[in-house]
Structure formats: structure tokens, C-alpha cells
């Protein structure tokens, strides 16, 4: 994105921090922390592929990705993981108009209506950061796809992306970052030049309700995420205050209205540029967990916080990284209310590792697992996780070490001691 920067660590947390955390975790025998191990699987993607996204429904896991096709265009593809093996890849859309970005990636996910839904980003006529969101639906398992819709109707040649989706009243709701205020208003007022957060529900024939402004001023290019708790949908995002504090906020859908965004925790991260590092949220009944990256006071951390009341209040966060994180988090919640957090950990130079850790709701955590070596370069993108049918966890990431980038996949086993 044009206005972002990478946040590099200025100093690391002390070893004592992690020693104390480990000792505290060992003192409570009542918290069964899982042992994690991983093994790589064949990937269904071809060479020159990236931007993976994982979702699941019933006994099936779905992986979607972008892959370069002949002639310089790109394919948006997906494959099913079922019975321990991948299906042949299927095509969702082929286009030379895709806006391809390491941090702002397409998705394909099962909807509450039994259909499959996909979104991608499409470049506008003015090029550059003129791009919009396109949404399509398949009612036959991905064999055919509907004519694509655009959820936003402002018509401005500005950025629209960083999409999350969430079930709402039997349909699928889409959340996105919207740059319409970067364009001068029809009344001639100057551009406000601030990204906003918007929501709109989509149904079988297109949008089912109006666009809804959720937050007028948010961080420019950080991912959004959403989950469904017992009390309803929950959305997390990185806010941007007038003082340039860019902490993680949460909003909930109550009686058809999105609540005013509130901080999950007041980190107080003041930065003049977008860190391109959004939060992740997961929920099970009233239990909600949020994971995020922050570099408040120049110290990089990956944190997680838990809520027991559908995200109305959160406990104090726990630092779960290994001392030098690049962020790019993902999050899963397990049946007992504990969570798995994944992130990129810098290991020197441009090298990094995809790591994962089990965290109990009381803040105890187990040893981190290194799933794979990786790179902290932007092209390595954002590793994604999803729960597999047999109880394991599938992880997908982009490997940039070869001649061309390619998606790799691993299966993580969760072992109770």
C-alpha cells in the first residue's frame, strides 16, 4: 500500500519476561497445555502462487489463492481438503484486472445459506490505488459462480479492501476499509483523506441492506477480522485516533446496530504510518479471543486477550511472541475456550519463522512451535490457519525462497500431555 511502513523492533523484551511467564504457567497443573507438532503436506497450488486463505465447513476445509496464469493475468482458485487429501484446483475467476497485494488478499468461505462466497479486489480505470471489492456466490459447490457484485456504491476512484466476512441473520455480511473520503465531496468540500470502516450484508441476489458506516477514522491498511459470539457478530480492526494512536478496537452488532468501537486494550501505540498488521478474532459461545501485533514504546509484541462475555469486556493481554515478532497474526479458538495463535517471528536479517503457540484463557501458554522457515519480506504475506475435520490444524503460507513464490501447507497435530 502506498502509505505504509514496516515497523522494525527497537528493543526486545527481557529474557526475565519469558522466564516468569513460563514459571507461572508451570505452577498451575489445572491448565492442560497442548503439545504441538507439524508435518508438511503437498500443496494444491501451482508455481507463482500466493495470498492463501483458509476456511472450513463441516468435514471440509477450503483453500483459496491467487496464481499467475498464462498471458500475465491471474487466477483466483480454490481446492477442498477432504479425507486427508486435496481436490483438483477449481477456478473462481480469471482476470488481468485483479489488484494483487501481499497484505490485501481475496477470500473464499462457506456462507450460512449453504453457498460458497468469494471476494477479490479489482482495479479501477484510474489505476494506482483506485480499486474496489467484487463479491460472487456459488450455489453448486463452486462449479459455477454468479455475476459479481460490488458492496460499496460511492463510485470514487479510491481504495476499498481489507475485507472480512461474518454470518448475519442468515446472510453473509462484509466488512471493509473504505477510502471514499480521499475524494472531494460532491459539494466541493476538500477531501478528508481518512480511511473508514464499512459494513453491508449480501444475499442471493446481491446487497440486502444499506452500507453502514462503522467507524469514520481507522488505520489505513490493516486487515479486519470477524467472528460470531453467543451475543452476535464481533468485528476487530486497528483504529486511528486524532493523536495517531493505532490500537486494536472491537465493535459488536447489537439489535441490528454496530456499537461504538472500543479498545481491546489501551496499548497506546503512537505511529505516524500504517503498520500493515491487522488483528485476528475467534469466538466460541460467550468466549472470545483477540490476537494482535503492537510496537508501543518501540517494543514489538504479539498479544492475546480473552473475553468471557461475548467481547463486551476483555481481560489483561498476554505477550505470546518469542521476543522479535513481525506480527501477521492468525487465531483459532478450541472447544475448551483456549486458543492457538500464529505469527511470524524474525530470526535474523530477512529470515523469519511461522510460529504457533497454545494459550489458555487464564494466560498460561505452552512452548512455541516452528511450523516452517519463512521470510519477513512483504512477499511472504500472512500465514493462515483453520481447524481440520480430524481435529488437527491446517496452516498455509507463501514460500518466497525459490525462483517463484508458492503456497505451502502443513498439518499441525494437537497432543494433550
Protein backbone atom coordinates (compact mmCIF):
# COMPACT_ATOMS: atom_id res chain seq x y z
CA UNK A 1 0.00 0.00 0.00
CA UNK A 2 1.25 3.47 -0.73
CA UNK A 3 1.22 4.91 2.80
CA UNK A 4 2.53 2.04 4.89
CA UNK A 5 5.82 1.29 6.58
CA UNK A 6 7.34 -1.79 8.19
CA UNK A 7 7.80 -1.43 11.93
CA UNK A 8 11.13 -2.89 13.00
CA UNK A 9 11.98 -3.71 16.62
CA UNK A 10 13.93 -1.13 18.60
CA UNK A 11 14.45 -3.22 21.70
CA UNK A 12 13.39 -6.67 22.84
CA UNK A 13 11.55 -7.70 25.97
CA UNK A 14 13.88 -9.10 28.60
CA UNK A 15 14.52 -12.82 28.99
CA UNK A 16 13.10 -12.46 32.52
CA UNK A 17 9.69 -11.71 30.99
CA UNK A 18 9.53 -15.11 29.32
CA UNK A 19 11.10 -16.97 32.26
CA UNK A 20 8.47 -15.58 34.63
CA UNK A 21 5.68 -16.40 32.19
CA UNK A 22 6.91 -19.97 31.88
CA UNK A 23 7.20 -20.37 35.66
CA UNK A 24 3.72 -19.01 36.21
CA UNK A 25 2.36 -21.36 33.58
CA UNK A 26 4.05 -24.34 35.20
CA UNK A 27 2.59 -23.53 38.64
CA UNK A 28 -0.99 -24.31 37.64
CA UNK A 29 -1.43 -28.00 36.94
CA UNK A 30 -5.09 -27.41 36.17
CA UNK A 31 -4.40 -25.90 32.75
CA UNK A 32 -3.74 -28.66 30.17
CA UNK A 33 -1.44 -27.05 27.61
CA UNK A 34 -1.16 -28.87 24.30
CA UNK A 35 2.00 -30.13 22.68
CA UNK A 36 2.17 -29.08 19.02
CA UNK A 37 3.90 -30.87 16.15
CA UNK A 38 3.66 -30.30 12.41
CA UNK A 39 4.21 -32.11 9.14
CA UNK A 40 4.13 -30.62 5.67
CA UNK A 41 1.52 -31.71 3.13
CA UNK A 42 1.52 -31.43 -0.65
CA UNK A 43 0.04 -28.12 -1.76
CA UNK A 44 -2.71 -27.94 -4.38
CA UNK A 45 -1.38 -24.66 -5.77
CA UNK A 46 0.95 -24.26 -8.70
CA UNK A 47 4.11 -22.16 -9.03
CA UNK A 48 3.89 -18.38 -8.82
CA UNK A 49 1.04 -18.55 -6.32
CA UNK A 50 0.35 -16.62 -3.11
CA UNK A 51 -2.20 -14.86 -0.91
CA UNK A 52 -3.65 -18.02 0.71
CA UNK A 53 -6.95 -18.00 2.62
CA UNK A 54 -8.40 -20.90 4.63
CA UNK A 55 -11.98 -21.60 5.70
CA UNK A 56 -13.98 -24.64 6.76
CA UNK A 57 -17.47 -26.10 6.83
CA UNK A 58 -18.42 -29.47 8.30
CA UNK A 59 -15.84 -32.03 7.27
CA UNK A 60 -14.30 -29.90 4.52
CA UNK A 61 -11.52 -27.31 4.52
CA UNK A 62 -11.23 -24.81 1.67
CA UNK A 63 -8.01 -23.14 0.49
CA UNK A 64 -8.21 -20.23 -1.94
CA UNK A 65 -5.31 -18.37 -3.52
CA UNK A 66 -4.12 -16.23 -6.43
CA UNK A 67 -1.96 -17.83 -9.12
CA UNK A 68 -0.39 -16.27 -12.20
CA UNK A 69 -1.85 -17.66 -15.42
CA UNK A 70 -0.62 -17.56 -18.98
CA UNK A 71 -0.64 -14.16 -20.61
CA UNK A 72 0.12 -12.25 -17.42
CA UNK A 73 -3.32 -12.40 -15.85
CA UNK A 74 -4.17 -14.11 -12.55
CA UNK A 75 -6.48 -16.90 -11.49
CA UNK A 76 -8.41 -16.94 -8.23
CA UNK A 77 -8.53 -20.67 -7.43
CA UNK A 78 -9.69 -22.93 -4.63
CA UNK A 79 -9.33 -26.56 -3.55
CA UNK A 80 -11.01 -28.76 -0.93
CA UNK A 81 -9.19 -30.74 1.74
CA UNK A 82 -11.34 -33.78 2.42
CA UNK A 83 -10.42 -37.23 3.66
CA UNK A 84 -6.79 -36.21 4.11
CA UNK A 85 -6.23 -35.12 0.50
CA UNK A 86 -6.70 -32.09 -1.72
CA UNK A 87 -9.13 -31.97 -4.61
CA UNK A 88 -8.09 -30.73 -8.01
CA UNK A 89 -8.00 -26.91 -8.03
CA UNK A 90 -11.08 -25.16 -9.40
CA UNK A 91 -11.31 -21.70 -10.94
CA UNK A 92 -13.37 -18.92 -9.37
CA UNK A 93 -12.29 -16.04 -11.60
CA UNK A 94 -9.57 -15.22 -14.14
CA UNK A 95 -8.74 -11.58 -14.74
CA UNK A 96 -6.00 -9.15 -15.69
CA UNK A 97 -7.75 -6.54 -13.52
CA UNK A 98 -7.07 -8.14 -10.14
CA UNK A 99 -5.45 -5.79 -7.64
CA UNK A 100 -2.77 -8.16 -6.30
CA UNK A 101 -1.32 -7.13 -2.96
CA UNK A 102 0.69 -9.06 -0.36
CA UNK A 103 -1.45 -7.82 2.54
CA UNK A 104 -4.90 -7.34 0.99
CA UNK A 105 -5.90 -10.78 -0.26
CA UNK A 106 -9.03 -12.44 -1.68
CA UNK A 107 -11.14 -14.96 0.25
CA UNK A 108 -13.47 -17.87 -0.31
CA UNK A 109 -15.71 -19.02 2.52
CA UNK A 110 -18.88 -21.06 3.12
CA UNK A 111 -21.88 -18.90 3.97
CA UNK A 112 -24.75 -19.53 6.41
CA UNK A 113 -27.03 -20.12 3.43
CA UNK A 114 -25.07 -23.21 2.35
CA UNK A 115 -23.49 -21.39 -0.60
CA UNK A 116 -19.83 -20.63 -1.21
CA UNK A 117 -18.84 -16.97 -1.29
CA UNK A 118 -15.70 -15.35 -2.69
CA UNK A 119 -14.34 -11.84 -2.94
CA UNK A 120 -11.45 -10.23 -4.79
CA UNK A 121 -10.15 -6.75 -5.48
CA UNK A 122 -10.45 -5.19 -8.93
CA UNK A 123 -8.51 -2.23 -10.30
CA UNK A 124 -10.43 0.83 -11.46
CA UNK A 125 -9.95 2.95 -14.56
CA UNK A 126 -7.57 5.41 -12.89
CA UNK A 127 -5.11 2.70 -11.80
CA UNK A 128 -2.85 3.06 -8.78
CA UNK A 129 -4.90 2.81 -5.61
CA UNK A 130 -8.22 3.02 -7.43
CA UNK A 131 -9.66 -0.41 -6.71
CA UNK A 132 -12.90 -1.91 -5.46
CA UNK A 133 -14.36 -5.07 -3.95
CA UNK A 134 -16.12 -7.71 -6.01
CA UNK A 135 -18.25 -10.43 -4.39
CA UNK A 136 -19.55 -13.61 -6.03
CA UNK A 137 -21.62 -16.59 -4.85
CA UNK A 138 -21.87 -20.24 -5.87
CA UNK A 139 -24.90 -22.36 -5.03
CA UNK A 140 -23.50 -25.54 -6.63
CA UNK A 141 -20.32 -26.10 -4.63
CA UNK A 142 -18.10 -23.91 -6.78
CA UNK A 143 -18.93 -25.39 -10.19
CA UNK A 144 -20.38 -22.05 -11.35
CA UNK A 145 -20.29 -18.55 -9.89
CA UNK A 146 -22.73 -15.65 -10.02
CA UNK A 147 -22.20 -12.31 -11.67
CA UNK A 148 -20.02 -10.33 -9.26
CA UNK A 149 -21.45 -7.52 -7.09
CA UNK A 150 -19.79 -4.50 -5.53
CA UNK A 151 -20.89 -3.82 -1.93
CA UNK A 152 -19.87 -0.14 -1.94
CA UNK A 153 -21.78 2.41 -4.02
CA UNK A 154 -19.71 5.59 -3.58
CA UNK A 155 -18.19 5.31 -7.06
CA UNK A 156 -14.99 7.12 -6.06
CA UNK A 157 -11.63 6.12 -7.58
CA UNK A 158 -10.22 5.26 -4.16
CA UNK A 159 -9.18 2.22 -2.12
CA UNK A 160 -11.70 -0.37 -0.92
CA UNK A 161 -10.33 -3.54 0.60
CA UNK A 162 -9.07 -5.46 3.65
CA UNK A 163 -12.31 -7.41 3.69
CA UNK A 164 -13.71 -9.67 6.42
CA UNK A 165 -17.00 -11.56 6.33
CA UNK A 166 -19.36 -12.74 9.06
CA UNK A 167 -22.77 -14.50 9.11
CA UNK A 168 -25.62 -12.10 9.90
CA UNK A 169 -29.28 -13.17 10.05
CA UNK A 170 -28.88 -15.98 7.53
CA UNK A 171 -26.88 -13.93 5.05
CA UNK A 172 -23.21 -13.00 4.85
CA UNK A 173 -22.04 -9.58 5.98
CA UNK A 174 -18.91 -7.96 4.57
CA UNK A 175 -16.67 -5.50 6.41
CA UNK A 176 -14.09 -3.41 4.58
CA UNK A 177 -11.78 -0.41 4.75
CA UNK A 178 -13.13 2.39 2.58
CA UNK A 179 -11.22 5.34 1.13
CA UNK A 180 -14.12 7.38 -0.27
CA UNK A 181 -13.20 10.38 1.91
CA UNK A 182 -9.95 10.72 -0.07
CA UNK A 183 -12.08 12.06 -2.93
CA UNK A 184 -13.54 15.62 -2.80
CA UNK A 185 -17.24 15.64 -1.91
CA UNK A 186 -19.92 16.46 -4.45
CA UNK A 187 -20.48 19.76 -2.63
CA UNK A 188 -16.91 20.80 -3.35
CA UNK A 189 -15.64 20.29 0.20
CA UNK A 190 -11.99 19.23 0.32
CA UNK A 191 -11.10 15.57 0.78
CA UNK A 192 -10.84 14.41 4.38
CA UNK A 193 -8.27 11.76 3.41
CA UNK A 194 -9.07 9.23 6.11
CA UNK A 195 -9.93 5.56 5.77
CA UNK A 196 -13.25 4.43 7.24
CA UNK A 197 -14.78 1.09 8.22
CA UNK A 198 -17.97 -0.03 6.46
CA UNK A 199 -20.39 -2.98 6.59
CA UNK A 200 -23.00 -4.41 4.25
CA UNK A 201 -25.00 -7.65 4.21
CA UNK A 202 -25.21 -9.64 0.97
CA UNK A 203 -27.80 -12.21 -0.11
CA UNK A 204 -28.53 -14.49 -3.05
CA UNK A 205 -29.37 -11.60 -5.37
CA UNK A 206 -26.88 -9.03 -4.05
CA UNK A 207 -26.91 -6.49 -1.21
CA UNK A 208 -29.77 -6.95 1.26
CA UNK A 209 -29.38 -3.69 3.16
CA UNK A 210 -27.65 -0.31 3.04
CA UNK A 211 -23.99 0.42 3.50
CA UNK A 212 -23.30 1.12 7.18
CA UNK A 213 -20.50 3.33 8.46
CA UNK A 214 -18.94 1.55 11.45
CA UNK A 215 -16.01 3.86 12.24
CA UNK A 216 -15.16 7.11 10.48
CA UNK A 217 -11.37 7.05 11.04
CA UNK A 218 -9.36 3.81 11.09
CA UNK A 219 -5.83 2.73 10.27
CA UNK A 220 -5.20 2.87 6.54
CA UNK A 221 -4.16 -0.65 5.58
CA UNK A 222 -4.52 -3.19 8.39
CA UNK A 223 -6.62 -6.31 7.98
CA UNK A 224 -10.02 -6.60 9.63
CA UNK A 225 -11.47 -9.78 11.14
CA UNK A 226 -14.83 -11.02 12.40
CA UNK A 227 -16.38 -13.87 14.38
CA UNK A 228 -19.76 -14.81 15.83
CA UNK A 229 -20.13 -14.99 19.64
CA UNK A 230 -23.20 -16.04 21.60
CA UNK A 231 -24.48 -12.45 21.64
CA UNK A 232 -23.85 -11.87 17.94
CA UNK A 233 -21.19 -10.81 15.41
CA UNK A 234 -17.91 -9.26 16.61
CA UNK A 235 -15.53 -7.24 14.41
CA UNK A 236 -11.97 -6.20 15.25
CA UNK A 237 -9.81 -3.63 13.46
CA UNK A 238 -6.97 -1.17 14.04
CA UNK A 239 -8.25 2.27 14.96
CA UNK A 240 -6.56 5.61 14.28
CA UNK A 241 -7.12 8.40 16.78
CA UNK A 242 -6.51 12.11 16.07
CA UNK A 243 -3.31 11.71 18.11
CA UNK A 244 -2.17 8.83 15.81
CA UNK A 245 -2.74 6.13 18.42
CA UNK A 246 -3.33 2.94 16.45
CA UNK A 247 -4.64 0.37 18.90
CA UNK A 248 -6.97 -2.58 18.25
CA UNK A 249 -10.70 -1.85 18.58
CA UNK A 250 -13.77 -4.07 18.79
CA UNK A 251 -17.38 -3.47 17.79
CA UNK A 252 -20.42 -5.74 18.25
CA UNK A 253 -23.73 -5.99 16.41
CA UNK A 254 -26.49 -5.42 18.97
CA UNK A 255 -30.16 -5.20 17.95
CA UNK A 256 -29.12 -4.55 14.37
CA UNK A 257 -26.74 -1.70 15.25
CA UNK A 258 -22.95 -1.75 15.47
CA UNK A 259 -21.72 -0.49 18.82
CA UNK A 260 -19.19 2.30 19.05
CA UNK A 261 -15.69 0.88 18.70
CA UNK A 262 -13.74 0.39 21.93
CA UNK A 263 -10.13 -0.65 22.52
CA UNK A 264 -9.48 -4.29 23.30
CA UNK A 265 -6.55 -2.94 25.31
CA UNK A 266 -5.00 0.54 25.52
CA UNK A 267 -1.51 -0.20 24.22
CA UNK A 268 -1.03 3.45 23.29
CA UNK A 269 0.89 2.69 20.10
CA UNK A 270 1.58 6.07 18.55
CA UNK A 271 2.82 5.84 14.97
CA UNK A 272 2.52 8.15 12.01
CA UNK A 273 2.17 5.37 9.43
CA UNK A 274 0.16 2.21 8.98
CA UNK A 275 1.99 -0.92 10.21
CA UNK A 276 0.06 -3.22 7.82
CA UNK A 277 -0.63 -5.62 10.68
CA UNK A 278 -4.25 -6.30 11.49
CA UNK A 279 -5.82 -8.26 14.38
CA UNK A 280 -7.49 -11.67 14.47
CA UNK A 281 -10.58 -12.72 16.43
CA UNK A 282 -12.14 -16.09 17.27
CA UNK A 283 -15.22 -16.99 19.30
CA UNK A 284 -16.99 -19.97 20.84
CA UNK A 285 -20.25 -19.22 22.65
CA UNK A 286 -19.53 -16.35 25.09
CA UNK A 287 -15.77 -16.89 24.88
CA UNK A 288 -13.92 -14.50 22.54
CA UNK A 289 -10.20 -14.12 21.93
CA UNK A 290 -8.35 -11.38 20.05
CA UNK A 291 -4.70 -11.51 18.95
CA UNK A 292 -2.72 -8.60 17.56
CA UNK A 293 0.67 -7.02 16.93
CA UNK A 294 1.79 -3.80 18.58
CA UNK A 295 5.04 -1.86 18.82
CA UNK A 296 4.02 0.57 21.56
CA UNK A 297 7.04 2.37 23.04
CA UNK A 298 9.16 0.84 20.29
CA UNK A 299 8.86 -2.73 21.61
CA UNK A 300 7.27 -5.24 19.19
CA UNK A 301 4.86 -7.73 20.73
CA UNK A 302 2.19 -10.22 19.73
CA UNK A 303 -0.56 -10.17 22.34
CA UNK A 304 -3.75 -12.06 23.06
CA UNK A 305 -6.69 -11.11 25.28
CA UNK A 306 -9.77 -13.13 26.28
CA UNK A 307 -13.37 -12.14 26.94
CA UNK A 308 -15.99 -14.23 28.75
CA UNK A 309 -18.98 -12.08 27.84
CA UNK A 310 -19.13 -12.00 24.03
CA UNK A 311 -16.47 -9.26 23.70
CA UNK A 312 -18.10 -6.71 26.00
CA UNK A 313 -15.03 -6.74 28.26
CA UNK A 314 -11.55 -8.19 27.88
CA UNK A 315 -9.00 -9.29 30.44
CA UNK A 316 -5.42 -8.10 30.51
CA UNK A 317 -3.50 -9.23 27.43
CA UNK A 318 -0.67 -11.75 27.47
CA UNK A 319 2.50 -11.43 25.38
CA UNK A 320 2.94 -14.67 23.40
CA UNK A 321 5.76 -13.98 20.93
CA UNK A 322 9.37 -15.13 21.31
CA UNK A 323 10.98 -11.69 21.51
CA UNK A 324 11.28 -10.43 17.93
CA UNK A 325 7.92 -10.72 16.14
CA UNK A 326 7.00 -9.35 12.74
CA UNK A 327 3.32 -9.87 13.60
CA UNK A 328 0.93 -11.06 10.84
CA UNK A 329 -1.18 -12.98 13.33
CA UNK A 330 -3.93 -15.52 12.98
CA UNK A 331 -6.08 -17.12 15.68
CA UNK A 332 -8.22 -20.19 16.38
CA UNK A 333 -10.36 -20.97 19.42
CA UNK A 334 -10.59 -24.55 20.67
CA UNK A 335 -13.50 -26.34 22.33
CA UNK A 336 -12.28 -25.61 25.88
CA UNK A 337 -12.01 -21.85 25.27
CA UNK A 338 -8.23 -21.89 24.83
CA UNK A 339 -6.65 -20.52 21.67
CA UNK A 340 -3.96 -21.16 19.09
CA UNK A 341 -2.05 -18.09 17.92
CA UNK A 342 0.20 -17.99 14.86
CA UNK A 343 2.60 -15.24 13.84
CA UNK A 344 5.87 -14.51 12.03
CA UNK A 345 8.93 -14.37 14.28
CA UNK A 346 12.07 -12.67 12.95
CA UNK A 347 15.17 -14.86 13.25
CA UNK A 348 17.85 -12.56 11.80
CA UNK A 349 18.21 -10.48 8.67
CA UNK A 350 15.27 -11.09 6.38
CA UNK A 351 14.70 -14.58 7.81
CA UNK A 352 11.68 -15.48 9.88
CA UNK A 353 9.67 -18.48 11.04
CA UNK A 354 5.97 -19.25 11.02
CA UNK A 355 5.32 -19.99 14.69
CA UNK A 356 2.33 -21.13 16.71
CA UNK A 357 1.52 -21.30 20.42
CA UNK A 358 -1.30 -22.71 22.58
CA UNK A 359 -2.69 -20.20 25.10
CA UNK A 360 -5.12 -20.96 27.93
CA UNK A 361 -7.86 -18.45 28.88
CA UNK A 362 -6.02 -17.68 32.13
CA UNK A 363 -2.96 -16.55 30.18
CA UNK A 364 -0.79 -19.63 30.55
CA UNK A 365 0.89 -20.75 27.36
CA UNK A 366 2.91 -23.65 26.03
CA UNK A 367 6.11 -23.89 24.04
CA UNK A 368 6.02 -22.25 20.63
CA UNK A 369 6.14 -24.47 17.55
CA UNK A 370 8.16 -23.51 14.48
CA UNK A 371 5.99 -24.63 11.58
CA UNK A 372 8.41 -23.51 8.87
CA UNK A 373 11.19 -21.14 7.99
CA UNK A 374 9.96 -18.11 6.11
CA UNK A 375 10.88 -14.57 5.25
CA UNK A 376 9.93 -11.31 6.88
CA UNK A 377 9.72 -9.71 3.43
CA UNK A 378 6.32 -8.46 2.36
CA UNK A 379 6.03 -11.06 -0.38
CA UNK A 380 5.80 -13.82 2.24
CA UNK A 381 2.37 -12.46 3.13
CA UNK A 382 0.19 -13.59 6.03
CA UNK A 383 0.11 -17.23 7.18
CA UNK A 384 -3.45 -18.52 7.69
CA UNK A 385 -4.88 -21.25 9.95
CA UNK A 386 -8.08 -23.30 10.12
CA UNK A 387 -9.29 -26.29 12.13
CA UNK A 388 -9.22 -29.51 10.10
CA UNK A 389 -12.02 -32.14 10.30
CA UNK A 390 -9.97 -34.67 12.30
CA UNK A 391 -9.11 -32.07 14.95
CA UNK A 392 -5.74 -31.02 13.60
CA UNK A 393 -4.96 -27.54 12.28
CA UNK A 394 -4.10 -26.68 8.70
CA UNK A 395 -1.63 -23.84 8.12
CA UNK A 396 -0.93 -22.20 4.75
CA UNK A 397 1.73 -19.64 3.91
CA UNK A 398 3.66 -18.25 0.93
CA UNK A 399 7.20 -19.54 0.37
CA UNK A 400 9.33 -16.92 -1.41
CA UNK A 401 12.68 -18.71 -1.23
CA UNK A 402 12.55 -20.36 -4.67
CA UNK A 403 12.57 -18.95 -8.17
CA UNK A 404 8.86 -18.14 -7.87
CA UNK A 405 6.64 -17.84 -4.79
CA UNK A 406 4.45 -20.81 -3.98
CA UNK A 407 1.93 -21.68 -1.28
CA UNK A 408 2.95 -24.36 1.19
CA UNK A 409 0.68 -26.23 3.59
CA UNK A 410 1.30 -28.02 6.88
CA UNK A 411 -0.87 -30.07 9.24
CA UNK A 412 -0.40 -29.38 12.96
CA UNK A 413 -1.26 -32.10 15.49
CA UNK A 414 -2.59 -31.08 18.91
CA UNK A 415 -1.50 -33.52 21.60
CA UNK A 416 -2.79 -33.42 25.17
CA UNK A 417 0.02 -34.29 27.62
